[in-house]
Amino acid sequence: MNVNQIIINVTSPDPQRLGAFYRDTVGLPPNPDMGEFAMMAGSTPFMIDSHSEVTGPTKEPARVLLSLMVDDIKSEQTRLEAAGVKFIRKEGKQDWGGVISTFTDPDGNYMQLIEYHPA
């Protein structure tokens, strides 16, 4: 298999609410060529959509951990907390040199911010 790109598609019972959260609160830039709630996470398309088999909040929020690599985790976390985003882990230092903060989105999914500066 020769994969030339990955697209992340998160489904929700309320894609308008979840899409607005990632676009307006988290601040992912829109990619209108791909759809109403398509955004970009770096060079990766990040899309929010509905699905007939998805209802209610997520039942296993840690099953898939999506991570946004950032340059300044402290400022991004402060900005998101000021916007009402709930963090369940704050600036946890990892033995491999990374720092991770984890927040929940309106559907209960976990999203991580990671700052990593290799030595």
PDB file of N, CA and C in Angstrom:
ATOM      1  N   MET A   1       0.840  -1.182   0.000  1.00  0.00           N
ATOM      2  CA  MET A   1       0.000   0.000   0.000  1.00  0.00           C
ATOM      3  C   MET A   1       0.885   1.246   0.000  1.00  0.00           C
ATOM      4  N   ASN A   2       0.573   2.176  -0.863  1.00  0.00           N
ATOM      5  CA  ASN A   2       1.281   3.442  -0.911  1.00  0.00           C
ATOM      6  C   ASN A   2       0.299   4.537  -0.505  1.00  0.00           C
ATOM      7  N   VAL A   3       0.328   4.926   0.768  1.00  0.00           N
ATOM      8  CA  VAL A   3      -0.571   5.960   1.280  1.00  0.00           C
ATOM      9  C   VAL A   3       0.071   7.315   1.031  1.00  0.00           C
ATOM     10  N   ASN A   4      -0.669   8.220   0.395  1.00  0.00           N
ATOM     11  CA  ASN A   4      -0.110   9.536   0.135  1.00  0.00           C
ATOM     12  C   ASN A   4      -0.675  10.623   1.031  1.00  0.00           C
ATOM     13  N   GLN A   5      -1.673  10.284   1.858  1.00  0.00           N
ATOM     14  CA  GLN A   5      -2.210  11.248   2.819  1.00  0.00           C
ATOM     15  C   GLN A   5      -3.171  10.534   3.747  1.00  0.00           C
ATOM     16  N   ILE A   6      -3.330  11.066   4.943  1.00  0.00           N
ATOM     17  CA  ILE A   6      -4.352  10.591   5.857  1.00  0.00           C
ATOM     18  C   ILE A   6      -5.324  11.740   6.098  1.00  0.00           C
ATOM     19  N   ILE A   7      -6.592  11.414   6.206  1.00  0.00           N
ATOM     20  CA  ILE A   7      -7.626  12.386   6.541  1.00  0.00           C
ATOM     21  C   ILE A   7      -8.265  11.911   7.836  1.00  0.00           C
ATOM     22  N   ILE A   8      -8.385  12.785   8.793  1.00  0.00           N
ATOM     23  CA  ILE A   8      -9.055  12.451  10.046  1.00  0.00           C
ATOM     24  C   ILE A   8     -10.502  12.896   9.929  1.00  0.00           C
ATOM     25  N   ASN A   9     -11.428  11.953  10.144  1.00  0.00           N
ATOM     26  CA  ASN A   9     -12.860  12.240  10.060  1.00  0.00           C
ATOM     27  C   ASN A   9     -13.482  11.845  11.397  1.00  0.00           C
ATOM     28  N   VAL A  10     -13.917  12.831  12.161  1.00  0.00           N
ATOM     29  CA  VAL A  10     -14.557  12.601  13.451  1.00  0.00           C
ATOM     30  C   VAL A  10     -16.054  12.779  13.251  1.00  0.00           C
ATOM     31  N   THR A  11     -16.827  11.757  13.629  1.00  0.00           N
ATOM     32  CA  THR A  11     -18.272  11.846  13.465  1.00  0.00           C
ATOM     33  C   THR A  11     -18.932  12.193  14.793  1.00  0.00           C
ATOM     34  N   SER A  12     -20.098  12.824  14.695  1.00  0.00           N
ATOM     35  CA  SER A  12     -20.775  13.345  15.871  1.00  0.00           C
ATOM     36  C   SER A  12     -22.278  13.342  15.643  1.00  0.00           C
ATOM     37  N   PRO A  13     -23.057  13.190  16.721  1.00  0.00           N
ATOM     38  CA  PRO A  13     -24.494  13.357  16.572  1.00  0.00           C
ATOM     39  C   PRO A  13     -24.875  14.829  16.332  1.00  0.00           C
ATOM     40  N   ASP A  14     -23.950  15.739  16.619  1.00  0.00           N
ATOM     41  CA  ASP A  14     -24.174  17.168  16.410  1.00  0.00           C
ATOM     42  C   ASP A  14     -22.941  17.770  15.728  1.00  0.00           C
ATOM     43  N   PRO A  15     -22.760  17.496  14.424  1.00  0.00           N
ATOM     44  CA  PRO A  15     -21.548  17.948  13.751  1.00  0.00           C
ATOM     45  C   PRO A  15     -21.412  19.473  13.687  1.00  0.00           C
ATOM     46  N   GLN A  16     -22.520  20.197  13.695  1.00  0.00           N
ATOM     47  CA  GLN A  16     -22.420  21.659  13.680  1.00  0.00           C
ATOM     48  C   GLN A  16     -21.743  22.162  14.956  1.00  0.00           C
ATOM     49  N   ARG A  17     -22.170  21.630  16.094  1.00  0.00           N
ATOM     50  CA  ARG A  17     -21.589  22.054  17.375  1.00  0.00           C
ATOM     51  C   ARG A  17     -20.125  21.651  17.454  1.00  0.00           C
ATOM     52  N   LEU A  18     -19.816  20.402  17.093  1.00  0.00           N
ATOM     53  CA  LEU A  18     -18.439  19.924  17.190  1.00  0.00           C
ATOM     54  C   LEU A  18     -17.540  20.634  16.182  1.00  0.00           C
ATOM     55  N   GLY A  19     -18.035  20.840  14.968  1.00  0.00           N
ATOM     56  CA  GLY A  19     -17.257  21.551  13.959  1.00  0.00           C
ATOM     57  C   GLY A  19     -16.955  22.977  14.382  1.00  0.00           C
ATOM     58  N   ALA A  20     -17.952  23.656  14.935  1.00  0.00           N
ATOM     59  CA  ALA A  20     -17.741  25.028  15.406  1.00  0.00           C
ATOM     60  C   ALA A  20     -16.714  25.058  16.543  1.00  0.00           C
ATOM     61  N   PHE A  21     -16.738  24.053  17.414  1.00  0.00           N
ATOM     62  CA  PHE A  21     -15.770  23.984  18.509  1.00  0.00           C
ATOM     63  C   PHE A  21     -14.343  23.914  17.965  1.00  0.00           C
ATOM     64  N   TYR A  22     -14.104  23.008  17.028  1.00  0.00           N
ATOM     65  CA  TYR A  22     -12.743  22.855  16.511  1.00  0.00           C
ATOM     66  C   TYR A  22     -12.323  24.041  15.642  1.00  0.00           C
ATOM     67  N   ARG A  23     -13.252  24.617  14.928  1.00  0.00           N
ATOM     68  CA  ARG A  23     -12.922  25.774  14.081  1.00  0.00           C
ATOM     69  C   ARG A  23     -12.777  27.045  14.914  1.00  0.00           C
ATOM     70  N   ASP A  24     -13.779  27.338  15.752  1.00  0.00           N
ATOM     71  CA  ASP A  24     -13.834  28.633  16.432  1.00  0.00           C
ATOM     72  C   ASP A  24     -13.108  28.654  17.774  1.00  0.00           C
ATOM     73  N   THR A  25     -13.188  27.586  18.544  1.00  0.00           N
ATOM     74  CA  THR A  25     -12.572  27.568  19.870  1.00  0.00           C
ATOM     75  C   THR A  25     -11.137  27.061  19.809  1.00  0.00           C
ATOM     76  N   VAL A  26     -10.944  25.881  19.226  1.00  0.00           N
ATOM     77  CA  VAL A  26      -9.585  25.341  19.118  1.00  0.00           C
ATOM     78  C   VAL A  26      -8.779  26.183  18.133  1.00  0.00           C
ATOM     79  N   GLY A  27      -9.419  26.616  17.048  1.00  0.00           N
ATOM     80  CA  GLY A  27      -8.758  27.499  16.094  1.00  0.00           C
ATOM     81  C   GLY A  27      -8.121  26.809  14.909  1.00  0.00           C
ATOM     82  N   LEU A  28      -8.633  25.613  14.555  1.00  0.00           N
ATOM     83  CA  LEU A  28      -8.119  24.963  13.350  1.00  0.00           C
ATOM     84  C   LEU A  28      -8.599  25.737  12.125  1.00  0.00           C
ATOM     85  N   PRO A  29      -7.721  26.017  11.180  1.00  0.00           N
ATOM     86  CA  PRO A  29      -8.120  26.800  10.013  1.00  0.00           C
ATOM     87  C   PRO A  29      -9.058  26.017   9.091  1.00  0.00           C
ATOM     88  N   PRO A  30     -10.099  26.676   8.595  1.00  0.00           N
ATOM     89  CA  PRO A  30     -11.055  26.016   7.699  1.00  0.00           C
ATOM     90  C   PRO A  30     -10.419  25.603   6.379  1.00  0.00           C
ATOM     91  N   ASN A  31     -10.989  24.530   5.820  1.00  0.00           N
ATOM     92  CA  ASN A  31     -10.623  24.080   4.472  1.00  0.00           C
ATOM     93  C   ASN A  31     -11.942  23.946   3.704  1.00  0.00           C
ATOM     94  N   PRO A  32     -12.526  25.070   3.266  1.00  0.00           N
ATOM     95  CA  PRO A  32     -13.855  25.046   2.658  1.00  0.00           C
ATOM     96  C   PRO A  32     -13.957  24.223   1.384  1.00  0.00           C
ATOM     97  N   ASP A  33     -12.843  23.947   0.739  1.00  0.00           N
ATOM     98  CA  ASP A  33     -12.887  23.117  -0.475  1.00  0.00           C
ATOM     99  C   ASP A  33     -13.320  21.686  -0.177  1.00  0.00           C
ATOM    100  N   MET A  34     -13.177  21.254   1.092  1.00  0.00           N
ATOM    101  CA  MET A  34     -13.501  19.876   1.451  1.00  0.00           C
ATOM    102  C   MET A  34     -14.847  19.745   2.173  1.00  0.00           C
ATOM    103  N   GLY A  35     -15.466  20.871   2.524  1.00  0.00           N
ATOM    104  CA  GLY A  35     -16.756  20.786   3.189  1.00  0.00           C
ATOM    105  C   GLY A  35     -16.920  21.821   4.278  1.00  0.00           C
ATOM    106  N   GLU A  36     -18.152  21.923   4.780  1.00  0.00           N
ATOM    107  CA  GLU A  36     -18.488  22.959   5.758  1.00  0.00           C
ATOM    108  C   GLU A  36     -17.636  22.872   7.021  1.00  0.00           C
ATOM    109  N   PHE A  37     -17.460  21.676   7.556  1.00  0.00           N
ATOM    110  CA  PHE A  37     -16.672  21.529   8.773  1.00  0.00           C
ATOM    111  C   PHE A  37     -15.393  20.735   8.510  1.00  0.00           C
ATOM    112  N   ALA A  38     -14.723  21.116   7.441  1.00  0.00           N
ATOM    113  CA  ALA A  38     -13.397  20.585   7.138  1.00  0.00           C
ATOM    114  C   ALA A  38     -12.383  21.650   7.533  1.00  0.00           C
ATOM    115  N   MET A  39     -11.358  21.197   8.209  1.00  0.00           N
ATOM    116  CA  MET A  39     -10.303  22.088   8.668  1.00  0.00           C
ATOM    117  C   MET A  39      -8.963  21.445   8.377  1.00  0.00           C
ATOM    118  N   MET A  40      -7.918  22.140   8.732  1.00  0.00           N
ATOM    119  CA  MET A  40      -6.579  21.593   8.576  1.00  0.00           C
ATOM    120  C   MET A  40      -5.893  21.568   9.938  1.00  0.00           C
ATOM    121  N   ALA A  41      -5.244  20.445  10.241  1.00  0.00           N
ATOM    122  CA  ALA A  41      -4.392  20.309  11.416  1.00  0.00           C
ATOM    123  C   ALA A  41      -2.987  20.120  10.862  1.00  0.00           C
ATOM    124  N   GLY A  42      -2.261  21.206  10.734  1.00  0.00           N
ATOM    125  CA  GLY A  42      -0.996  21.162  10.012  1.00  0.00           C
ATOM    126  C   GLY A  42      -1.300  20.886   8.550  1.00  0.00           C
ATOM    127  N   SER A  43      -0.703  19.849   8.007  1.00  0.00           N
ATOM    128  CA  SER A  43      -0.976  19.495   6.608  1.00  0.00           C
ATOM    129  C   SER A  43      -2.017  18.378   6.481  1.00  0.00           C
ATOM    130  N   THR A  44      -2.659  18.022   7.603  1.00  0.00           N
ATOM    131  CA  THR A  44      -3.631  16.932   7.614  1.00  0.00           C
ATOM    132  C   THR A  44      -5.064  17.457   7.632  1.00  0.00           C
ATOM    133  N   PRO A  45      -5.889  17.052   6.685  1.00  0.00           N
ATOM    134  CA  PRO A  45      -7.307  17.430   6.738  1.00  0.00           C
ATOM    135  C   PRO A  45      -7.986  16.805   7.958  1.00  0.00           C
ATOM    136  N   PHE A  46      -8.768  17.616   8.655  1.00  0.00           N
ATOM    137  CA  PHE A  46      -9.502  17.212   9.857  1.00  0.00           C
ATOM    138  C   PHE A  46     -10.964  17.577   9.605  1.00  0.00           C
ATOM    139  N   MET A  47     -11.822  16.563   9.539  1.00  0.00           N
ATOM    140  CA  MET A  47     -13.210  16.793   9.148  1.00  0.00           C
ATOM    141  C   MET A  47     -14.172  16.348  10.245  1.00  0.00           C
ATOM    142  N   ILE A  48     -15.261  17.073  10.374  1.00  0.00           N
ATOM    143  CA  ILE A  48     -16.339  16.725  11.300  1.00  0.00           C
ATOM    144  C   ILE A  48     -17.570  16.432  10.454  1.00  0.00           C
ATOM    145  N   ASP A  49     -18.231  15.321  10.753  1.00  0.00           N
ATOM    146  CA  ASP A  49     -19.397  14.913   9.976  1.00  0.00           C
ATOM    147  C   ASP A  49     -20.350  14.154  10.892  1.00  0.00           C
ATOM    148  N   SER A  50     -21.486  13.783  10.364  1.00  0.00           N
ATOM    149  CA  SER A  50     -22.441  12.948  11.090  1.00  0.00           C
ATOM    150  C   SER A  50     -22.292  11.513  10.608  1.00  0.00           C
ATOM    151  N   HIS A  51     -22.894  10.600  11.350  1.00  0.00           N
ATOM    152  CA  HIS A  51     -22.916   9.196  10.955  1.00  0.00           C
ATOM    153  C   HIS A  51     -24.170   8.582  11.556  1.00  0.00           C
ATOM    154  N   SER A  52     -24.866   7.766  10.799  1.00  0.00           N
ATOM    155  CA  SER A  52     -26.136   7.194  11.249  1.00  0.00           C
ATOM    156  C   SER A  52     -25.996   6.305  12.479  1.00  0.00           C
ATOM    157  N   GLU A  53     -24.812   5.798  12.765  1.00  0.00           N
ATOM    158  CA  GLU A  53     -24.624   4.910  13.907  1.00  0.00           C
ATOM    159  C   GLU A  53     -24.021   5.603  15.131  1.00  0.00           C
ATOM    160  N   VAL A  54     -23.869   6.920  15.083  1.00  0.00           N
ATOM    161  CA  VAL A  54     -23.274   7.655  16.198  1.00  0.00           C
ATOM    162  C   VAL A  54     -24.368   8.418  16.937  1.00  0.00           C
ATOM    163  N   THR A  55     -24.488   8.125  18.243  1.00  0.00           N
ATOM    164  CA  THR A  55     -25.445   8.830  19.101  1.00  0.00           C
ATOM    165  C   THR A  55     -24.779   9.140  20.430  1.00  0.00           C
ATOM    166  N   GLY A  56     -25.184  10.219  21.055  1.00  0.00           N
ATOM    167  CA  GLY A  56     -24.710  10.570  22.385  1.00  0.00           C
ATOM    168  C   GLY A  56     -23.215  10.823  22.447  1.00  0.00           C
ATOM    169  N   PRO A  57     -22.717  11.021  23.687  1.00  0.00           N
ATOM    170  CA  PRO A  57     -21.281  11.260  23.854  1.00  0.00           C
ATOM    171  C   PRO A  57     -20.487   9.980  23.610  1.00  0.00           C
ATOM    172  N   THR A  58     -19.208  10.151  23.366  1.00  0.00           N
ATOM    173  CA  THR A  58     -18.352   8.992  23.130  1.00  0.00           C
ATOM    174  C   THR A  58     -18.315   8.086  24.361  1.00  0.00           C
ATOM    175  N   LYS A  59     -18.242   6.800  24.134  1.00  0.00           N
ATOM    176  CA  LYS A  59     -18.241   5.843  25.237  1.00  0.00           C
ATOM    177  C   LYS A  59     -16.829   5.475  25.690  1.00  0.00           C
ATOM    178  N   GLU A  60     -15.841   5.614  24.814  1.00  0.00           N
ATOM    179  CA  GLU A  60     -14.449   5.309  25.138  1.00  0.00           C
ATOM    180  C   GLU A  60     -13.551   6.445  24.640  1.00  0.00           C
ATOM    181  N   PRO A  61     -13.493   7.544  25.384  1.00  0.00           N
ATOM    182  CA  PRO A  61     -12.781   8.722  24.877  1.00  0.00           C
ATOM    183  C   PRO A  61     -11.283   8.534  24.687  1.00  0.00           C
ATOM    184  N   ALA A  62     -10.702   7.540  25.313  1.00  0.00           N
ATOM    185  CA  ALA A  62      -9.258   7.332  25.171  1.00  0.00           C
ATOM    186  C   ALA A  62      -8.910   6.318  24.084  1.00  0.00           C
ATOM    187  N   ARG A  63      -9.915   5.748  23.416  1.00  0.00           N
ATOM    188  CA  ARG A  63      -9.627   4.714  22.406  1.00  0.00           C
ATOM    189  C   ARG A  63      -8.783   5.273  21.264  1.00  0.00           C
ATOM    190  N   VAL A  64      -9.111   6.435  20.774  1.00  0.00           N
ATOM    191  CA  VAL A  64      -8.322   7.090  19.725  1.00  0.00           C
ATOM    192  C   VAL A  64      -7.886   8.439  20.279  1.00  0.00           C
ATOM    193  N   LEU A  65      -6.585   8.638  20.399  1.00  0.00           N
ATOM    194  CA  LEU A  65      -6.063   9.910  20.900  1.00  0.00           C
ATOM    195  C   LEU A  65      -5.499  10.705  19.737  1.00  0.00           C
ATOM    196  N   LEU A  66      -6.123  11.811  19.452  1.00  0.00           N
ATOM    197  CA  LEU A  66      -5.628  12.707  18.418  1.00  0.00           C
ATOM    198  C   LEU A  66      -4.751  13.751  19.100  1.00  0.00           C
ATOM    199  N   SER A  67      -3.628  14.038  18.499  1.00  0.00           N
ATOM    200  CA  SER A  67      -2.653  14.928  19.117  1.00  0.00           C
ATOM    201  C   SER A  67      -2.307  16.066  18.176  1.00  0.00           C
ATOM    202  N   LEU A  68      -2.332  17.259  18.715  1.00  0.00           N
ATOM    203  CA  LEU A  68      -1.936  18.453  17.975  1.00  0.00           C
ATOM    204  C   LEU A  68      -0.571  18.883  18.495  1.00  0.00           C
ATOM    205  N   MET A  69       0.421  18.834  17.644  1.00  0.00           N
ATOM    206  CA  MET A  69       1.768  19.261  18.025  1.00  0.00           C
ATOM    207  C   MET A  69       1.807  20.787  17.995  1.00  0.00           C
ATOM    208  N   VAL A  70       2.201  21.398  19.110  1.00  0.00           N
ATOM    209  CA  VAL A  70       2.224  22.853  19.222  1.00  0.00           C
ATOM    210  C   VAL A  70       3.602  23.318  19.692  1.00  0.00           C
ATOM    211  N   ASP A  71       3.905  24.577  19.407  1.00  0.00           N
ATOM    212  CA  ASP A  71       5.188  25.147  19.818  1.00  0.00           C
ATOM    213  C   ASP A  71       5.185  25.598  21.271  1.00  0.00           C
ATOM    214  N   ASP A  72       4.031  26.072  21.768  1.00  0.00           N
ATOM    215  CA  ASP A  72       3.961  26.631  23.125  1.00  0.00           C
ATOM    216  C   ASP A  72       2.707  26.098  23.813  1.00  0.00           C
ATOM    217  N   ILE A  73       2.841  24.981  24.493  1.00  0.00           N
ATOM    218  CA  ILE A  73       1.693  24.314  25.104  1.00  0.00           C
ATOM    219  C   ILE A  73       1.047  25.177  26.186  1.00  0.00           C
ATOM    220  N   LYS A  74       1.856  25.886  26.950  1.00  0.00           N
ATOM    221  CA  LYS A  74       1.325  26.705  28.046  1.00  0.00           C
ATOM    222  C   LYS A  74       0.387  27.793  27.516  1.00  0.00           C
ATOM    223  N   SER A  75       0.795  28.498  26.462  1.00  0.00           N
ATOM    224  CA  SER A  75      -0.058  29.564  25.936  1.00  0.00           C
ATOM    225  C   SER A  75      -1.313  29.002  25.270  1.00  0.00           C
ATOM    226  N   GLU A  76      -1.195  27.881  24.557  1.00  0.00           N
ATOM    227  CA  GLU A  76      -2.373  27.281  23.921  1.00  0.00           C
ATOM    228  C   GLU A  76      -3.353  26.768  24.970  1.00  0.00           C
ATOM    229  N   GLN A  77      -2.843  26.144  26.020  1.00  0.00           N
ATOM    230  CA  GLN A  77      -3.714  25.649  27.082  1.00  0.00           C
ATOM    231  C   GLN A  77      -4.407  26.811  27.793  1.00  0.00           C
ATOM    232  N   THR A  78      -3.675  27.872  28.083  1.00  0.00           N
ATOM    233  CA  THR A  78      -4.252  29.046  28.736  1.00  0.00           C
ATOM    234  C   THR A  78      -5.356  29.650  27.870  1.00  0.00           C
ATOM    235  N   ARG A  79      -5.104  29.764  26.579  1.00  0.00           N
ATOM    236  CA  ARG A  79      -6.098  30.322  25.652  1.00  0.00           C
ATOM    237  C   ARG A  79      -7.353  29.462  25.617  1.00  0.00           C
ATOM    238  N   LEU A  80      -7.188  28.152  25.534  1.00  0.00           N
ATOM    239  CA  LEU A  80      -8.343  27.256  25.467  1.00  0.00           C
ATOM    240  C   LEU A  80      -9.110  27.230  26.794  1.00  0.00           C
ATOM    241  N   GLU A  81      -8.402  27.224  27.910  1.00  0.00           N
ATOM    242  CA  GLU A  81      -9.089  27.258  29.210  1.00  0.00           C
ATOM    243  C   GLU A  81      -9.901  28.542  29.365  1.00  0.00           C
ATOM    244  N   ALA A  82      -9.368  29.663  28.886  1.00  0.00           N
ATOM    245  CA  ALA A  82     -10.102  30.930  28.945  1.00  0.00           C
ATOM    246  C   ALA A  82     -11.379  30.873  28.112  1.00  0.00           C
ATOM    247  N   ALA A  83     -11.395  30.003  27.091  1.00  0.00           N
ATOM    248  CA  ALA A  83     -12.579  29.832  26.244  1.00  0.00           C
ATOM    249  C   ALA A  83     -13.522  28.762  26.811  1.00  0.00           C
ATOM    250  N   GLY A  84     -13.190  28.214  27.988  1.00  0.00           N
ATOM    251  CA  GLY A  84     -14.069  27.245  28.633  1.00  0.00           C
ATOM    252  C   GLY A  84     -13.764  25.792  28.354  1.00  0.00           C
ATOM    253  N   VAL A  85     -12.650  25.498  27.698  1.00  0.00           N
ATOM    254  CA  VAL A  85     -12.289  24.115  27.394  1.00  0.00           C
ATOM    255  C   VAL A  85     -11.783  23.440  28.667  1.00  0.00           C
ATOM    256  N   LYS A  86     -12.280  22.227  28.922  1.00  0.00           N
ATOM    257  CA  LYS A  86     -11.904  21.470  30.120  1.00  0.00           C
ATOM    258  C   LYS A  86     -10.718  20.559  29.824  1.00  0.00           C
ATOM    259  N   PHE A  87      -9.672  20.721  30.614  1.00  0.00           N
ATOM    260  CA  PHE A  87      -8.494  19.867  30.514  1.00  0.00           C
ATOM    261  C   PHE A  87      -8.538  18.799  31.598  1.00  0.00           C
ATOM    262  N   ILE A  88      -8.246  17.556  31.210  1.00  0.00           N
ATOM    263  CA  ILE A  88      -8.212  16.472  32.182  1.00  0.00           C
ATOM    264  C   ILE A  88      -6.772  16.131  32.572  1.00  0.00           C
ATOM    265  N   ARG A  89      -5.814  16.678  31.832  1.00  0.00           N
ATOM    266  CA  ARG A  89      -4.390  16.531  32.139  1.00  0.00           C
ATOM    267  C   ARG A  89      -3.699  17.805  31.691  1.00  0.00           C
ATOM    268  N   LYS A  90      -2.811  18.312  32.566  1.00  0.00           N
ATOM    269  CA  LYS A  90      -2.160  19.577  32.263  1.00  0.00           C
ATOM    270  C   LYS A  90      -0.648  19.447  32.316  1.00  0.00           C
ATOM    271  N   GLU A  91      -0.033  19.701  31.178  1.00  0.00           N
ATOM    272  CA  GLU A  91       1.422  19.778  31.037  1.00  0.00           C
ATOM    273  C   GLU A  91       2.153  18.622  31.722  1.00  0.00           C
ATOM    274  N   GLY A  92       1.731  17.408  31.405  1.00  0.00           N
ATOM    275  CA  GLY A  92       2.406  16.221  31.932  1.00  0.00           C
ATOM    276  C   GLY A  92       3.708  15.988  31.201  1.00  0.00           C
ATOM    277  N   LYS A  93       4.793  15.963  31.947  1.00  0.00           N
ATOM    278  CA  LYS A  93       6.112  15.764  31.346  1.00  0.00           C
ATOM    279  C   LYS A  93       6.366  14.280  31.132  1.00  0.00           C
ATOM    280  N   GLN A  94       6.836  13.950  29.943  1.00  0.00           N
ATOM    281  CA  GLN A  94       7.105  12.568  29.552  1.00  0.00           C
ATOM    282  C   GLN A  94       8.604  12.291  29.593  1.00  0.00           C
ATOM    283  N   ASP A  95       8.981  11.048  29.868  1.00  0.00           N
ATOM    284  CA  ASP A  95      10.397  10.707  29.933  1.00  0.00           C
ATOM    285  C   ASP A  95      11.090  10.831  28.578  1.00  0.00           C
ATOM    286  N   TRP A  96      10.339  10.864  27.486  1.00  0.00           N
ATOM    287  CA  TRP A  96      10.929  11.009  26.156  1.00  0.00           C
ATOM    288  C   TRP A  96      11.085  12.475  25.745  1.00  0.00           C
ATOM    289  N   GLY A  97      10.729  13.394  26.668  1.00  0.00           N
ATOM    290  CA  GLY A  97      10.962  14.811  26.417  1.00  0.00           C
ATOM    291  C   GLY A  97       9.745  15.613  26.012  1.00  0.00           C
ATOM    292  N   GLY A  98       8.629  14.961  25.806  1.00  0.00           N
ATOM    293  CA  GLY A  98       7.418  15.686  25.434  1.00  0.00           C
ATOM    294  C   GLY A  98       6.662  16.190  26.651  1.00  0.00           C
ATOM    295  N   VAL A  99       5.790  17.146  26.407  1.00  0.00           N
ATOM    296  CA  VAL A  99       4.868  17.656  27.415  1.00  0.00           C
ATOM    297  C   VAL A  99       3.474  17.525  26.815  1.00  0.00           C
ATOM    298  N   ILE A 100       2.540  16.916  27.572  1.00  0.00           N
ATOM    299  CA  ILE A 100       1.208  16.625  27.048  1.00  0.00           C
ATOM    300  C   ILE A 100       0.132  17.204  27.953  1.00  0.00           C
ATOM    301  N   SER A 101      -0.823  17.894  27.337  1.00  0.00           N
ATOM    302  CA  SER A 101      -2.053  18.320  27.993  1.00  0.00           C
ATOM    303  C   SER A 101      -3.211  17.726  27.209  1.00  0.00           C
ATOM    304  N   THR A 102      -4.214  17.223  27.920  1.00  0.00           N
ATOM    305  CA  THR A 102      -5.341  16.558  27.270  1.00  0.00           C
ATOM    306  C   THR A 102      -6.627  17.278  27.626  1.00  0.00           C
ATOM    307  N   PHE A 103      -7.432  17.596  26.604  1.00  0.00           N
ATOM    308  CA  PHE A 103      -8.728  18.227  26.848  1.00  0.00           C
ATOM    309  C   PHE A 103      -9.836  17.388  26.235  1.00  0.00           C
ATOM    310  N   THR A 104     -11.063  17.694  26.631  1.00  0.00           N
ATOM    311  CA  THR A 104     -12.229  17.014  26.069  1.00  0.00           C
ATOM    312  C   THR A 104     -12.971  17.977  25.151  1.00  0.00           C
ATOM    313  N   ASP A 105     -13.518  17.420  24.084  1.00  0.00           N
ATOM    314  CA  ASP A 105     -14.340  18.228  23.186  1.00  0.00           C
ATOM    315  C   ASP A 105     -15.811  18.081  23.596  1.00  0.00           C
ATOM    316  N   PRO A 106     -16.733  18.776  22.952  1.00  0.00           N
ATOM    317  CA  PRO A 106     -18.141  18.706  23.348  1.00  0.00           C
ATOM    318  C   PRO A 106     -18.773  17.320  23.286  1.00  0.00           C
ATOM    319  N   ASP A 107     -18.202  16.390  22.515  1.00  0.00           N
ATOM    320  CA  ASP A 107     -18.715  15.021  22.465  1.00  0.00           C
ATOM    321  C   ASP A 107     -18.034  14.106  23.473  1.00  0.00           C
ATOM    322  N   GLY A 108     -17.057  14.625  24.211  1.00  0.00           N
ATOM    323  CA  GLY A 108     -16.342  13.822  25.185  1.00  0.00           C
ATOM    324  C   GLY A 108     -15.089  13.153  24.653  1.00  0.00           C
ATOM    325  N   ASN A 109     -14.734  13.396  23.390  1.00  0.00           N
ATOM    326  CA  ASN A 109     -13.497  12.841  22.831  1.00  0.00           C
ATOM    327  C   ASN A 109     -12.299  13.515  23.491  1.00  0.00           C
ATOM    328  N   TYR A 110     -11.205  12.772  23.621  1.00  0.00           N
ATOM    329  CA  TYR A 110      -9.961  13.349  24.118  1.00  0.00           C
ATOM    330  C   TYR A 110      -9.140  13.866  22.944  1.00  0.00           C
ATOM    331  N   MET A 111      -8.555  15.034  23.141  1.00  0.00           N
ATOM    332  CA  MET A 111      -7.627  15.630  22.181  1.00  0.00           C
ATOM    333  C   MET A 111      -6.423  16.082  22.986  1.00  0.00           C
ATOM    334  N   GLN A 112      -5.243  15.791  22.477  1.00  0.00           N
ATOM    335  CA  GLN A 112      -4.027  16.149  23.193  1.00  0.00           C
ATOM    336  C   GLN A 112      -3.294  17.283  22.497  1.00  0.00           C
ATOM    337  N   LEU A 113      -2.695  18.144  23.318  1.00  0.00           N
ATOM    338  CA  LEU A 113      -1.704  19.095  22.848  1.00  0.00           C
ATOM    339  C   LEU A 113      -0.360  18.514  23.247  1.00  0.00           C
ATOM    340  N   ILE A 114       0.584  18.504  22.335  1.00  0.00           N
ATOM    341  CA  ILE A 114       1.923  18.004  22.645  1.00  0.00           C
ATOM    342  C   ILE A 114       2.947  19.043  22.221  1.00  0.00           C
ATOM    343  N   GLU A 115       3.840  19.357  23.148  1.00  0.00           N
ATOM    344  CA  GLU A 115       5.000  20.193  22.840  1.00  0.00           C
ATOM    345  C   GLU A 115       6.224  19.293  22.970  1.00  0.00           C
ATOM    346  N   TYR A 116       7.042  19.288  21.950  1.00  0.00           N
ATOM    347  CA  TYR A 116       8.224  18.432  21.962  1.00  0.00           C
ATOM    348  C   TYR A 116       9.385  19.169  21.301  1.00  0.00           C
ATOM    349  N   HIS A 117      10.438  19.287  22.053  1.00  0.00           N
ATOM    350  CA  HIS A 117      11.659  19.878  21.528  1.00  0.00           C
ATOM    351  C   HIS A 117      12.791  18.907  21.806  1.00  0.00           C
ATOM    352  N   PRO A 118      13.165  18.086  20.821  1.00  0.00           N
ATOM    353  CA  PRO A 118      14.220  17.106  21.063  1.00  0.00           C
ATOM    354  C   PRO A 118      15.537  17.783  21.460  1.00  0.00           C
ATOM    355  N   ALA A 119      16.270  17.105  22.309  1.00  0.00           N
ATOM    356  CA  ALA A 119      17.550  17.660  22.792  1.00  0.00           C
ATOM    357  C   ALA A 119      18.564  17.724  21.660  1.00  0.00           C
TER     358      ALA A 119
END
